[in-house]
Amino acid sequence: MSNMEGEETPHRQIPDETLQKKHQSMIHRLAVRHQTRLETRKPDSPDSSSTSAFLSRFNDFKNSITTQIESAADPSCLTDISSSISDLEKLVAENSYCLPSYEIRASLKTISDLRQNLDTLTAHIVPKKKFSFKNKPVKKETHIINQDTECNTVSLPELKKTSLPVRDSPGFRDKQSQVLVKNFKGSEIGEFTLSGLDSCEVKLVGSVNALFINQLKNCKVYVGPVMGSILIEEVENCLLVLVSHQIRIHFAKRSDFYLRVRSRPIIEDSNEVRFAPYCLKYKGIEADLEVAGLNEETGNWANVDDFKWLRAVQSPNWSVLPEEERIGTVDLVDLECGNGTI
């Protein structure tokens, strides 16, 4: 019996050791699998609590703006409403890294609708503009213009109509073959407009809340930080150096964009447009970028969304500008401008 009992003991231990090893191996595999899931889920699955918090803030902000638009009866309210929409755009840009793509698109669509409602309101309560494009001979002289000095306006040939309304904000309008300079340092300008420019060089230093650009041909535009958004429409054969939280481009042709942007740039109805990183320099720009929350390069200049191209393959309407064709750093060291307003 003793021999049999002695033989039974190892027969019981062998399966126990084997099961223990299998159990430990299974626990290890489960732990590895769980860790792998956590690691792969971080970049692809936004935090639901962060998304919910954003949506709550966004909807409160949107409802407030809608109430402002519905109750507005005086032109003096328009600037505040536009500023609120720019703040809402900034909120989306600052939270875009943690939002699902469909939430970003829905938010941008809501902002676009709010802008359209504001434009409709503006058309109803603001008198028509006194200036217009005229078919007159254009002088070929080149002038340097500072907004602190008086200057003659050069009329441009009539350009095709645009869906972007003419805004009341300060800006440069209807110029040809001129160097246009504006320094926002020390000013209280919230929005700025560039409209109806041909063969001009524009230099904007300092920060502004929002920038509107439309109907530019053969222009070079160098801009300091825009704290909200930049809306661009109808530019052709232009070079633009821009930095902002959000940039949207409509009807652009054969133009190069040097960008730094917190959210992905958006293009619509555009073709032959190329993108490269921001390359502007002037005294004090680092401080301006930091105040605007734009001091870090995001790499989004190369992550362009073409809203008119829904296929999975690369859109043929835009490309990355080859390094050998890029301009170098643009240094506005010789810039001479004051702090005047329009």
C-alpha atoms as a PDB file:
ATOM      1  CA  MET A   1       0.000   0.000   0.000  1.00  0.00           C
ATOM      2  CA  SER A   2       2.821   2.350   0.907  1.00  0.00           C
ATOM      3  CA  ASN A   3       4.375   1.933  -2.514  1.00  0.00           C
ATOM      4  CA  MET A   4       1.050   2.531  -4.148  1.00  0.00           C
ATOM      5  CA  GLU A   5       0.474   5.585  -1.963  1.00  0.00           C
ATOM      6  CA  GLY A   6       3.971   6.748  -2.740  1.00  0.00           C
ATOM      7  CA  GLU A   7       3.233   6.405  -6.425  1.00  0.00           C
ATOM      8  CA  GLU A   8      -0.114   8.233  -6.143  1.00  0.00           C
ATOM      9  CA  THR A   9       1.390  11.415  -4.686  1.00  0.00           C
ATOM     10  CA  PRO A  10       3.457  12.462  -7.740  1.00  0.00           C
ATOM     11  CA  HIS A  11       0.471  11.653  -9.985  1.00  0.00           C
ATOM     12  CA  ARG A  12      -1.558  14.220  -8.039  1.00  0.00           C
ATOM     13  CA  GLN A  13       1.223  16.898  -8.068  1.00  0.00           C
ATOM     14  CA  ILE A  14       1.864  16.816 -11.804  1.00  0.00           C
ATOM     15  CA  PRO A  15      -1.582  18.041 -12.835  1.00  0.00           C
ATOM     16  CA  ASP A  16      -1.586  20.583  -9.946  1.00  0.00           C
ATOM     17  CA  GLU A  17       1.688  22.153 -11.152  1.00  0.00           C
ATOM     18  CA  THR A  18       0.511  22.118 -14.744  1.00  0.00           C
ATOM     19  CA  LEU A  19      -2.756  23.805 -13.873  1.00  0.00           C
ATOM     20  CA  GLN A  20      -0.939  26.393 -11.792  1.00  0.00           C
ATOM     21  CA  LYS A  21       1.371  27.244 -14.687  1.00  0.00           C
ATOM     22  CA  LYS A  22      -1.571  27.435 -17.079  1.00  0.00           C
ATOM     23  CA  HIS A  23      -3.441  29.645 -14.635  1.00  0.00           C
ATOM     24  CA  GLN A  24      -0.467  32.008 -14.266  1.00  0.00           C
ATOM     25  CA  SER A  25      -0.016  32.091 -18.027  1.00  0.00           C
ATOM     26  CA  MET A  26      -3.692  32.914 -18.521  1.00  0.00           C
ATOM     27  CA  ILE A  27      -3.531  35.740 -15.951  1.00  0.00           C
ATOM     28  CA  HIS A  28      -0.450  37.143 -17.687  1.00  0.00           C
ATOM     29  CA  ARG A  29      -2.136  37.041 -21.104  1.00  0.00           C
ATOM     30  CA  LEU A  30      -5.247  38.745 -19.747  1.00  0.00           C
ATOM     31  CA  ALA A  31      -3.149  41.444 -18.100  1.00  0.00           C
ATOM     32  CA  VAL A  32      -1.216  42.054 -21.321  1.00  0.00           C
ATOM     33  CA  ARG A  33      -4.433  42.124 -23.338  1.00  0.00           C
ATOM     34  CA  HIS A  34      -6.035  44.594 -20.916  1.00  0.00           C
ATOM     35  CA  GLN A  35      -3.001  46.874 -20.991  1.00  0.00           C
ATOM     36  CA  THR A  36      -2.919  46.750 -24.781  1.00  0.00           C
ATOM     37  CA  ARG A  37      -6.579  47.742 -24.944  1.00  0.00           C
ATOM     38  CA  LEU A  38      -5.982  50.674 -22.627  1.00  0.00           C
ATOM     39  CA  GLU A  39      -3.015  51.880 -24.649  1.00  0.00           C
ATOM     40  CA  THR A  40      -4.749  51.584 -28.000  1.00  0.00           C
ATOM     41  CA  ARG A  41      -7.914  53.201 -26.690  1.00  0.00           C
ATOM     42  CA  LYS A  42      -6.281  56.412 -25.477  1.00  0.00           C
ATOM     43  CA  PRO A  43      -5.734  58.190 -28.802  1.00  0.00           C
ATOM     44  CA  ASP A  44      -8.782  56.786 -30.561  1.00  0.00           C
ATOM     45  CA  SER A  45     -11.532  57.004 -27.963  1.00  0.00           C
ATOM     46  CA  PRO A  46     -12.082  60.508 -26.566  1.00  0.00           C
ATOM     47  CA  ASP A  47     -13.012  60.743 -22.918  1.00  0.00           C
ATOM     48  CA  SER A  48     -16.810  60.700 -22.777  1.00  0.00           C
ATOM     49  CA  SER A  49     -16.846  62.929 -19.695  1.00  0.00           C
ATOM     50  CA  SER A  50     -14.719  65.545 -21.514  1.00  0.00           C
ATOM     51  CA  THR A  51     -17.036  65.387 -24.522  1.00  0.00           C
ATOM     52  CA  SER A  52     -20.117  65.772 -22.327  1.00  0.00           C
ATOM     53  CA  ALA A  53     -18.595  68.743 -20.516  1.00  0.00           C
ATOM     54  CA  PHE A  54     -17.728  70.384 -23.836  1.00  0.00           C
ATOM     55  CA  LEU A  55     -21.199  69.808 -25.288  1.00  0.00           C
ATOM     56  CA  SER A  56     -22.793  71.304 -22.195  1.00  0.00           C
ATOM     57  CA  ARG A  57     -20.652  74.461 -22.451  1.00  0.00           C
ATOM     58  CA  PHE A  58     -21.087  74.625 -26.219  1.00  0.00           C
ATOM     59  CA  ASN A  59     -24.886  74.377 -26.060  1.00  0.00           C
ATOM     60  CA  ASP A  60     -25.120  76.989 -23.295  1.00  0.00           C
ATOM     61  CA  PHE A  61     -22.915  79.310 -25.353  1.00  0.00           C
ATOM     62  CA  LYS A  62     -24.896  78.627 -28.540  1.00  0.00           C
ATOM     63  CA  ASN A  63     -28.236  79.299 -26.836  1.00  0.00           C
ATOM     64  CA  SER A  64     -26.906  82.562 -25.437  1.00  0.00           C
ATOM     65  CA  ILE A  65     -25.781  83.714 -28.902  1.00  0.00           C
ATOM     66  CA  THR A  66     -29.102  82.688 -30.436  1.00  0.00           C
ATOM     67  CA  THR A  67     -30.917  84.776 -27.818  1.00  0.00           C
ATOM     68  CA  GLN A  68     -28.629  87.740 -28.603  1.00  0.00           C
ATOM     69  CA  ILE A  69     -29.407  87.462 -32.321  1.00  0.00           C
ATOM     70  CA  GLU A  70     -33.159  87.147 -31.766  1.00  0.00           C
ATOM     71  CA  SER A  71     -33.306  90.137 -29.434  1.00  0.00           C
ATOM     72  CA  ALA A  72     -30.897  92.431 -31.306  1.00  0.00           C
ATOM     73  CA  ALA A  73     -32.486  95.577 -32.685  1.00  0.00           C
ATOM     74  CA  ASP A  74     -29.551  97.957 -32.864  1.00  0.00           C
ATOM     75  CA  PRO A  75     -26.309  97.835 -34.932  1.00  0.00           C
ATOM     76  CA  SER A  76     -24.297  98.385 -31.751  1.00  0.00           C
ATOM     77  CA  CYS A  77     -25.115  94.782 -30.731  1.00  0.00           C
ATOM     78  CA  LEU A  78     -23.507  93.229 -33.813  1.00  0.00           C
ATOM     79  CA  THR A  79     -19.900  93.526 -32.640  1.00  0.00           C
ATOM     80  CA  ASP A  80     -20.662  91.783 -29.351  1.00  0.00           C
ATOM     81  CA  ILE A  81     -22.510  88.974 -31.136  1.00  0.00           C
ATOM     82  CA  SER A  82     -19.672  88.477 -33.613  1.00  0.00           C
ATOM     83  CA  SER A  83     -17.171  88.436 -30.762  1.00  0.00           C
ATOM     84  CA  SER A  84     -19.267  85.799 -28.972  1.00  0.00           C
ATOM     85  CA  ILE A  85     -19.285  83.613 -32.074  1.00  0.00           C
ATOM     86  CA  SER A  86     -15.505  83.973 -32.324  1.00  0.00           C
ATOM     87  CA  ASP A  87     -15.231  82.884 -28.684  1.00  0.00           C
ATOM     88  CA  LEU A  88     -17.388  79.854 -29.490  1.00  0.00           C
ATOM     89  CA  GLU A  89     -15.072  78.996 -32.391  1.00  0.00           C
ATOM     90  CA  LYS A  90     -12.121  79.279 -30.015  1.00  0.00           C
ATOM     91  CA  LEU A  91     -13.852  76.890 -27.594  1.00  0.00           C
ATOM     92  CA  VAL A  92     -14.168  74.299 -30.366  1.00  0.00           C
ATOM     93  CA  ALA A  93     -10.550  74.779 -31.437  1.00  0.00           C
ATOM     94  CA  GLU A  94      -9.234  74.406 -27.888  1.00  0.00           C
ATOM     95  CA  ASN A  95     -11.187  71.166 -27.341  1.00  0.00           C
ATOM     96  CA  SER A  96     -10.801  69.627 -30.804  1.00  0.00           C
ATOM     97  CA  TYR A  97      -8.051  67.261 -29.634  1.00  0.00           C
ATOM     98  CA  CYS A  98     -10.451  65.395 -27.319  1.00  0.00           C
ATOM     99  CA  LEU A  99     -13.592  65.417 -29.479  1.00  0.00           C
ATOM    100  CA  PRO A 100     -14.845  62.806 -31.943  1.00  0.00           C
ATOM    101  CA  SER A 101     -14.649  63.990 -35.548  1.00  0.00           C
ATOM    102  CA  TYR A 102     -18.443  63.992 -35.922  1.00  0.00           C
ATOM    103  CA  GLU A 103     -18.810  66.326 -32.913  1.00  0.00           C
ATOM    104  CA  ILE A 104     -16.265  68.714 -34.423  1.00  0.00           C
ATOM    105  CA  ARG A 105     -18.110  68.767 -37.742  1.00  0.00           C
ATOM    106  CA  ALA A 106     -21.462  69.293 -36.027  1.00  0.00           C
ATOM    107  CA  SER A 107     -20.032  72.124 -33.926  1.00  0.00           C
ATOM    108  CA  LEU A 108     -18.520  73.845 -36.965  1.00  0.00           C
ATOM    109  CA  LYS A 109     -21.844  73.514 -38.803  1.00  0.00           C
ATOM    110  CA  THR A 110     -23.623  75.153 -35.856  1.00  0.00           C
ATOM    111  CA  ILE A 111     -21.092  78.008 -35.854  1.00  0.00           C
ATOM    112  CA  SER A 112     -21.530  78.439 -39.604  1.00  0.00           C
ATOM    113  CA  ASP A 113     -25.312  78.676 -39.117  1.00  0.00           C
ATOM    114  CA  LEU A 114     -24.854  81.276 -36.371  1.00  0.00           C
ATOM    115  CA  ARG A 115     -22.611  83.322 -38.679  1.00  0.00           C
ATOM    116  CA  GLN A 116     -25.218  83.117 -41.418  1.00  0.00           C
ATOM    117  CA  ASN A 117     -27.938  84.252 -39.008  1.00  0.00           C
ATOM    118  CA  LEU A 118     -25.736  87.156 -37.934  1.00  0.00           C
ATOM    119  CA  ASP A 119     -25.140  88.111 -41.574  1.00  0.00           C
ATOM    120  CA  THR A 120     -28.889  88.070 -42.216  1.00  0.00           C
ATOM    121  CA  LEU A 121     -29.458  90.238 -39.148  1.00  0.00           C
ATOM    122  CA  THR A 122     -26.728  92.647 -40.272  1.00  0.00           C
ATOM    123  CA  ALA A 123     -28.340  93.024 -43.692  1.00  0.00           C
ATOM    124  CA  HIS A 124     -31.623  93.985 -42.022  1.00  0.00           C
ATOM    125  CA  ILE A 125     -30.469  96.535 -39.472  1.00  0.00           C
ATOM    126  CA  VAL A 126     -27.304  98.056 -40.988  1.00  0.00           C
ATOM    127  CA  PRO A 127     -27.558 100.693 -43.742  1.00  0.00           C
ATOM    128  CA  LYS A 128     -26.054  99.864 -47.109  1.00  0.00           C
ATOM    129  CA  LYS A 129     -22.384 100.712 -47.561  1.00  0.00           C
ATOM    130  CA  LYS A 130     -21.569 103.908 -49.381  1.00  0.00           C
ATOM    131  CA  PHE A 131     -18.539 102.531 -51.223  1.00  0.00           C
ATOM    132  CA  SER A 132     -18.642 100.180 -54.197  1.00  0.00           C
ATOM    133  CA  PHE A 133     -16.320  98.705 -56.802  1.00  0.00           C
ATOM    134  CA  LYS A 134     -16.085 100.927 -59.867  1.00  0.00           C
ATOM    135  CA  ASN A 135     -15.000 100.360 -63.453  1.00  0.00           C
ATOM    136  CA  LYS A 136     -12.401 103.105 -63.642  1.00  0.00           C
ATOM    137  CA  PRO A 137      -8.832 103.114 -64.980  1.00  0.00           C
ATOM    138  CA  VAL A 138      -6.405 101.874 -62.342  1.00  0.00           C
ATOM    139  CA  LYS A 139      -3.166 103.661 -61.577  1.00  0.00           C
ATOM    140  CA  LYS A 140      -0.037 101.523 -61.816  1.00  0.00           C
ATOM    141  CA  GLU A 141       1.837 103.354 -59.063  1.00  0.00           C
ATOM    142  CA  THR A 142       2.828 101.549 -55.874  1.00  0.00           C
ATOM    143  CA  HIS A 143       2.147 103.320 -52.573  1.00  0.00           C
ATOM    144  CA  ILE A 144       3.090 102.515 -48.999  1.00  0.00           C
ATOM    145  CA  ILE A 145       0.119 103.083 -46.731  1.00  0.00           C
ATOM    146  CA  ASN A 146       0.044 103.352 -42.967  1.00  0.00           C
ATOM    147  CA  GLN A 147      -3.360 103.487 -41.321  1.00  0.00           C
ATOM    148  CA  ASP A 148      -2.199 106.452 -39.256  1.00  0.00           C
ATOM    149  CA  THR A 149      -1.896 108.593 -42.415  1.00  0.00           C
ATOM    150  CA  GLU A 150      -4.421 109.760 -44.978  1.00  0.00           C
ATOM    151  CA  CYS A 151      -4.169 108.192 -48.422  1.00  0.00           C
ATOM    152  CA  ASN A 152      -6.059 108.155 -51.701  1.00  0.00           C
ATOM    153  CA  THR A 153      -8.137 105.092 -52.543  1.00  0.00           C
ATOM    154  CA  VAL A 154      -7.430 103.396 -55.860  1.00  0.00           C
ATOM    155  CA  SER A 155     -10.535 101.983 -57.487  1.00  0.00           C
ATOM    156  CA  LEU A 156     -10.483  98.379 -58.704  1.00  0.00           C
ATOM    157  CA  PRO A 157     -12.259  96.753 -61.604  1.00  0.00           C
ATOM    158  CA  GLU A 158     -15.489  95.053 -60.558  1.00  0.00           C
ATOM    159  CA  LEU A 159     -14.932  91.554 -59.203  1.00  0.00           C
ATOM    160  CA  LYS A 160     -17.427  88.701 -59.171  1.00  0.00           C
ATOM    161  CA  LYS A 161     -19.937  88.745 -56.353  1.00  0.00           C
ATOM    162  CA  THR A 162     -19.180  86.811 -53.207  1.00  0.00           C
ATOM    163  CA  SER A 163     -21.384  85.157 -50.633  1.00  0.00           C
ATOM    164  CA  LEU A 164     -19.317  86.751 -47.856  1.00  0.00           C
ATOM    165  CA  PRO A 165     -21.063  89.976 -46.763  1.00  0.00           C
ATOM    166  CA  VAL A 166     -19.100  93.215 -46.515  1.00  0.00           C
ATOM    167  CA  ARG A 167     -18.471  93.859 -42.826  1.00  0.00           C
ATOM    168  CA  ASP A 168     -18.337  97.095 -40.877  1.00  0.00           C
ATOM    169  CA  SER A 169     -15.087  96.147 -39.157  1.00  0.00           C
ATOM    170  CA  PRO A 170     -11.924  98.204 -39.711  1.00  0.00           C
ATOM    171  CA  GLY A 171      -9.745  97.015 -42.564  1.00  0.00           C
ATOM    172  CA  PHE A 172      -8.091  97.566 -45.931  1.00  0.00           C
ATOM    173  CA  ARG A 173     -10.504  97.656 -48.869  1.00  0.00           C
ATOM    174  CA  ASP A 174     -10.293  98.349 -52.617  1.00  0.00           C
ATOM    175  CA  LYS A 175      -6.534  98.785 -52.993  1.00  0.00           C
ATOM    176  CA  GLN A 176      -4.144  97.897 -55.794  1.00  0.00           C
ATOM    177  CA  SER A 177      -0.340  97.684 -55.949  1.00  0.00           C
ATOM    178  CA  GLN A 178       0.156  99.021 -52.430  1.00  0.00           C
ATOM    179  CA  VAL A 179       1.974  98.033 -49.236  1.00  0.00           C
ATOM    180  CA  LEU A 180      -0.600  98.021 -46.437  1.00  0.00           C
ATOM    181  CA  VAL A 181       0.560  98.093 -42.809  1.00  0.00           C
ATOM    182  CA  LYS A 182      -1.346  97.872 -39.537  1.00  0.00           C
ATOM    183  CA  ASN A 183      -0.076  97.449 -35.970  1.00  0.00           C
ATOM    184  CA  PHE A 184      -2.707  96.146 -33.518  1.00  0.00           C
ATOM    185  CA  LYS A 185      -0.513  96.634 -30.456  1.00  0.00           C
ATOM    186  CA  GLY A 186      -2.286  98.975 -28.056  1.00  0.00           C
ATOM    187  CA  SER A 187      -5.467  99.075 -30.144  1.00  0.00           C
ATOM    188  CA  GLU A 188      -8.936  97.792 -29.234  1.00  0.00           C
ATOM    189  CA  ILE A 189      -9.824  96.466 -32.694  1.00  0.00           C
ATOM    190  CA  GLY A 190     -11.740  93.190 -32.382  1.00  0.00           C
ATOM    191  CA  GLU A 191     -12.162  92.272 -36.047  1.00  0.00           C
ATOM    192  CA  PHE A 192     -10.271  93.249 -39.177  1.00  0.00           C
ATOM    193  CA  THR A 193     -11.144  92.879 -42.864  1.00  0.00           C
ATOM    194  CA  LEU A 194      -9.099  92.594 -46.060  1.00  0.00           C
ATOM    195  CA  SER A 195     -11.351  92.963 -49.088  1.00  0.00           C
ATOM    196  CA  GLY A 196     -10.987  93.793 -52.787  1.00  0.00           C
ATOM    197  CA  LEU A 197      -7.169  93.856 -52.879  1.00  0.00           C
ATOM    198  CA  ASP A 198      -5.089  93.288 -56.009  1.00  0.00           C
ATOM    199  CA  SER A 199      -1.284  92.966 -56.166  1.00  0.00           C
ATOM    200  CA  CYS A 200      -0.870  94.254 -52.595  1.00  0.00           C
ATOM    201  CA  GLU A 201       1.473  93.321 -49.761  1.00  0.00           C
ATOM    202  CA  VAL A 202      -0.242  93.301 -46.355  1.00  0.00           C
ATOM    203  CA  LYS A 203       1.564  93.303 -42.988  1.00  0.00           C
ATOM    204  CA  LEU A 204      -0.504  92.958 -39.814  1.00  0.00           C
ATOM    205  CA  VAL A 205       1.422  92.977 -36.531  1.00  0.00           C
ATOM    206  CA  GLY A 206       0.041  92.162 -33.085  1.00  0.00           C
ATOM    207  CA  SER A 207      -3.131  90.280 -32.147  1.00  0.00           C
ATOM    208  CA  VAL A 208      -6.711  90.628 -33.322  1.00  0.00           C
ATOM    209  CA  ASN A 209      -9.807  88.572 -32.430  1.00  0.00           C
ATOM    210  CA  ALA A 210     -10.971  87.686 -35.938  1.00  0.00           C
ATOM    211  CA  LEU A 211      -9.847  88.243 -39.519  1.00  0.00           C
ATOM    212  CA  PHE A 212     -12.018  88.239 -42.655  1.00  0.00           C
ATOM    213  CA  ILE A 213     -10.372  87.991 -46.087  1.00  0.00           C
ATOM    214  CA  ASN A 214     -12.219  88.096 -49.410  1.00  0.00           C
ATOM    215  CA  GLN A 215     -11.554  88.928 -53.044  1.00  0.00           C
ATOM    216  CA  LEU A 216      -7.762  89.027 -53.049  1.00  0.00           C
ATOM    217  CA  LYS A 217      -5.679  88.528 -56.201  1.00  0.00           C
ATOM    218  CA  ASN A 218      -1.893  88.350 -56.541  1.00  0.00           C
ATOM    219  CA  CYS A 219      -1.374  89.441 -52.917  1.00  0.00           C
ATOM    220  CA  LYS A 220       1.105  88.611 -50.156  1.00  0.00           C
ATOM    221  CA  VAL A 221      -0.388  88.655 -46.654  1.00  0.00           C
ATOM    222  CA  TYR A 222       1.639  88.367 -43.418  1.00  0.00           C
ATOM    223  CA  VAL A 223      -0.425  88.192 -40.225  1.00  0.00           C
ATOM    224  CA  GLY A 224       0.347  87.955 -36.510  1.00  0.00           C
ATOM    225  CA  PRO A 225      -1.790  85.804 -34.164  1.00  0.00           C
ATOM    226  CA  VAL A 226      -5.575  85.813 -34.594  1.00  0.00           C
ATOM    227  CA  MET A 227      -7.132  84.809 -31.269  1.00  0.00           C
ATOM    228  CA  GLY A 228     -10.375  83.495 -32.785  1.00  0.00           C
ATOM    229  CA  SER A 229     -10.881  82.489 -36.389  1.00  0.00           C
ATOM    230  CA  ILE A 230      -9.898  83.454 -39.926  1.00  0.00           C
ATOM    231  CA  LEU A 231     -12.463  83.223 -42.726  1.00  0.00           C
ATOM    232  CA  ILE A 232     -11.096  83.383 -46.277  1.00  0.00           C
ATOM    233  CA  GLU A 233     -13.132  83.586 -49.481  1.00  0.00           C
ATOM    234  CA  GLU A 234     -12.138  84.130 -53.110  1.00  0.00           C
ATOM    235  CA  VAL A 235      -8.368  84.378 -53.137  1.00  0.00           C
ATOM    236  CA  GLU A 236      -6.339  83.695 -56.263  1.00  0.00           C
ATOM    237  CA  ASN A 237      -2.572  83.539 -56.860  1.00  0.00           C
ATOM    238  CA  CYS A 238      -1.902  84.659 -53.297  1.00  0.00           C
ATOM    239  CA  LEU A 239       0.613  83.864 -50.566  1.00  0.00           C
ATOM    240  CA  LEU A 240      -0.774  83.998 -47.029  1.00  0.00           C
ATOM    241  CA  VAL A 241       1.133  83.535 -43.756  1.00  0.00           C
ATOM    242  CA  LEU A 242      -1.452  83.063 -40.993  1.00  0.00           C
ATOM    243  CA  VAL A 243      -1.753  81.808 -37.407  1.00  0.00           C
ATOM    244  CA  SER A 244      -5.106  81.249 -35.681  1.00  0.00           C
ATOM    245  CA  HIS A 245      -7.219  78.833 -33.666  1.00  0.00           C
ATOM    246  CA  GLN A 246      -9.401  78.080 -36.685  1.00  0.00           C
ATOM    247  CA  ILE A 247      -9.006  78.771 -40.407  1.00  0.00           C
ATOM    248  CA  ARG A 248     -11.668  78.189 -43.049  1.00  0.00           C
ATOM    249  CA  ILE A 249     -11.004  78.714 -46.762  1.00  0.00           C
ATOM    250  CA  HIS A 250     -13.625  79.031 -49.516  1.00  0.00           C
ATOM    251  CA  PHE A 251     -13.111  79.437 -53.284  1.00  0.00           C
ATOM    252  CA  ALA A 252      -9.311  79.614 -53.213  1.00  0.00           C
ATOM    253  CA  LYS A 253      -7.281  79.002 -56.365  1.00  0.00           C
ATOM    254  CA  ARG A 254      -3.544  78.621 -56.990  1.00  0.00           C
ATOM    255  CA  SER A 255      -2.539  79.973 -53.591  1.00  0.00           C
ATOM    256  CA  ASP A 256      -0.001  79.007 -50.910  1.00  0.00           C
ATOM    257  CA  PHE A 257      -0.895  79.027 -47.209  1.00  0.00           C
ATOM    258  CA  TYR A 258       1.764  79.044 -44.465  1.00  0.00           C
ATOM    259  CA  LEU A 259      -0.215  78.167 -41.352  1.00  0.00           C
ATOM    260  CA  ARG A 260      -0.129  77.465 -37.652  1.00  0.00           C
ATOM    261  CA  VAL A 261      -3.591  76.453 -36.456  1.00  0.00           C
ATOM    262  CA  ARG A 262      -5.013  74.683 -33.396  1.00  0.00           C
ATOM    263  CA  SER A 263      -7.744  72.839 -35.319  1.00  0.00           C
ATOM    264  CA  ARG A 264      -7.572  71.267 -38.759  1.00  0.00           C
ATOM    265  CA  PRO A 265      -7.803  73.840 -41.582  1.00  0.00           C
ATOM    266  CA  ILE A 266     -10.941  73.535 -43.685  1.00  0.00           C
ATOM    267  CA  ILE A 267     -11.182  74.136 -47.435  1.00  0.00           C
ATOM    268  CA  GLU A 268     -14.301  74.183 -49.621  1.00  0.00           C
ATOM    269  CA  ASP A 269     -14.674  74.686 -53.385  1.00  0.00           C
ATOM    270  CA  SER A 270     -10.924  75.246 -53.677  1.00  0.00           C
ATOM    271  CA  ASN A 271      -8.226  73.839 -55.954  1.00  0.00           C
ATOM    272  CA  GLU A 272      -4.456  74.027 -56.478  1.00  0.00           C
ATOM    273  CA  VAL A 273      -3.880  75.230 -52.924  1.00  0.00           C
ATOM    274  CA  ARG A 274      -0.711  74.250 -51.055  1.00  0.00           C
ATOM    275  CA  PHE A 275       0.193  74.294 -47.373  1.00  0.00           C
ATOM    276  CA  ALA A 276       3.373  74.777 -45.325  1.00  0.00           C
ATOM    277  CA  PRO A 277       4.237  75.710 -41.704  1.00  0.00           C
ATOM    278  CA  TYR A 278       3.958  79.281 -40.383  1.00  0.00           C
ATOM    279  CA  CYS A 279       7.120  81.308 -40.977  1.00  0.00           C
ATOM    280  CA  LEU A 280       6.558  84.886 -39.767  1.00  0.00           C
ATOM    281  CA  LYS A 281       8.840  86.786 -37.409  1.00  0.00           C
ATOM    282  CA  TYR A 282       8.729  90.261 -35.894  1.00  0.00           C
ATOM    283  CA  LYS A 283       9.767  91.874 -32.617  1.00  0.00           C
ATOM    284  CA  GLY A 284       7.487  90.642 -29.844  1.00  0.00           C
ATOM    285  CA  ILE A 285       5.783  87.877 -31.829  1.00  0.00           C
ATOM    286  CA  GLU A 286       6.641  85.175 -29.253  1.00  0.00           C
ATOM    287  CA  ALA A 287       4.804  87.103 -26.528  1.00  0.00           C
ATOM    288  CA  ASP A 288       1.839  87.702 -28.863  1.00  0.00           C
ATOM    289  CA  LEU A 289       1.654  84.005 -29.729  1.00  0.00           C
ATOM    290  CA  GLU A 290       1.767  82.981 -26.076  1.00  0.00           C
ATOM    291  CA  VAL A 291      -1.039  85.360 -25.082  1.00  0.00           C
ATOM    292  CA  ALA A 292      -3.139  84.026 -27.970  1.00  0.00           C
ATOM    293  CA  GLY A 293      -2.441  80.412 -26.976  1.00  0.00           C
ATOM    294  CA  LEU A 294      -0.703  79.767 -30.294  1.00  0.00           C
ATOM    295  CA  ASN A 295       2.922  79.435 -29.233  1.00  0.00           C
ATOM    296  CA  GLU A 296       3.083  75.670 -29.890  1.00  0.00           C
ATOM    297  CA  GLU A 297       3.295  74.124 -33.349  1.00  0.00           C
ATOM    298  CA  THR A 298       0.516  71.550 -33.783  1.00  0.00           C
ATOM    299  CA  GLY A 299       1.376  70.252 -37.238  1.00  0.00           C
ATOM    300  CA  ASN A 300      -2.241  70.772 -38.310  1.00  0.00           C
ATOM    301  CA  TRP A 301      -1.108  72.861 -41.271  1.00  0.00           C
ATOM    302  CA  ALA A 302      -0.659  69.510 -43.047  1.00  0.00           C
ATOM    303  CA  ASN A 303      -3.979  67.999 -41.822  1.00  0.00           C
ATOM    304  CA  VAL A 304      -6.399  69.756 -44.140  1.00  0.00           C
ATOM    305  CA  ASP A 305     -10.087  68.821 -44.306  1.00  0.00           C
ATOM    306  CA  ASP A 306     -11.651  69.247 -47.746  1.00  0.00           C
ATOM    307  CA  PHE A 307     -15.398  69.406 -47.084  1.00  0.00           C
ATOM    308  CA  LYS A 308     -16.133  68.930 -50.780  1.00  0.00           C
ATOM    309  CA  TRP A 309     -14.065  65.729 -51.010  1.00  0.00           C
ATOM    310  CA  LEU A 310     -15.747  62.852 -49.176  1.00  0.00           C
ATOM    311  CA  ARG A 311     -13.681  59.928 -50.467  1.00  0.00           C
ATOM    312  CA  ALA A 312     -11.156  58.083 -48.329  1.00  0.00           C
ATOM    313  CA  VAL A 313      -8.242  58.895 -50.665  1.00  0.00           C
ATOM    314  CA  GLN A 314      -6.256  62.140 -50.582  1.00  0.00           C
ATOM    315  CA  SER A 315      -8.102  65.160 -51.963  1.00  0.00           C
ATOM    316  CA  PRO A 316      -6.613  66.365 -55.282  1.00  0.00           C
ATOM    317  CA  ASN A 317      -7.503  69.949 -54.399  1.00  0.00           C
ATOM    318  CA  TRP A 318      -4.673  70.546 -51.913  1.00  0.00           C
ATOM    319  CA  SER A 319      -1.107  69.402 -51.291  1.00  0.00           C
ATOM    320  CA  VAL A 320       1.876  69.963 -49.025  1.00  0.00           C
ATOM    321  CA  LEU A 321       4.189  72.597 -50.439  1.00  0.00           C
ATOM    322  CA  PRO A 322       7.572  71.000 -51.291  1.00  0.00           C
ATOM    323  CA  GLU A 323      10.345  72.250 -48.999  1.00  0.00           C
ATOM    324  CA  GLU A 324      12.491  73.433 -51.902  1.00  0.00           C
ATOM    325  CA  GLU A 325       9.670  75.705 -53.070  1.00  0.00           C
ATOM    326  CA  ARG A 326       8.883  77.278 -49.690  1.00  0.00           C
ATOM    327  CA  ILE A 327       9.820  80.817 -48.773  1.00  0.00           C
ATOM    328  CA  GLY A 328      12.204  81.316 -45.861  1.00  0.00           C
ATOM    329  CA  THR A 329      11.379  83.029 -42.584  1.00  0.00           C
ATOM    330  CA  VAL A 330       9.686  86.377 -43.215  1.00  0.00           C
ATOM    331  CA  ASP A 331      11.124  88.961 -40.821  1.00  0.00           C
ATOM    332  CA  LEU A 332       9.201  92.221 -40.553  1.00  0.00           C
ATOM    333  CA  VAL A 333      12.208  93.932 -38.988  1.00  0.00           C
ATOM    334  CA  ASP A 334      11.881  97.039 -41.143  1.00  0.00           C
ATOM    335  CA  LEU A 335       8.197  97.468 -40.412  1.00  0.00           C
ATOM    336  CA  GLU A 336       7.187 101.039 -39.724  1.00  0.00           C
ATOM    337  CA  CYS A 337       3.690 101.531 -38.409  1.00  0.00           C
ATOM    338  CA  GLY A 338       1.822 103.269 -35.638  1.00  0.00           C
ATOM    339  CA  ASN A 339      -1.104 102.516 -33.401  1.00  0.00           C
ATOM    340  CA  GLY A 340      -3.780 104.489 -35.207  1.00  0.00           C
ATOM    341  CA  THR A 341      -7.259 103.232 -36.021  1.00  0.00           C
ATOM    342  CA  ILE A 342      -9.503 103.661 -38.999  1.00  0.00           C
END
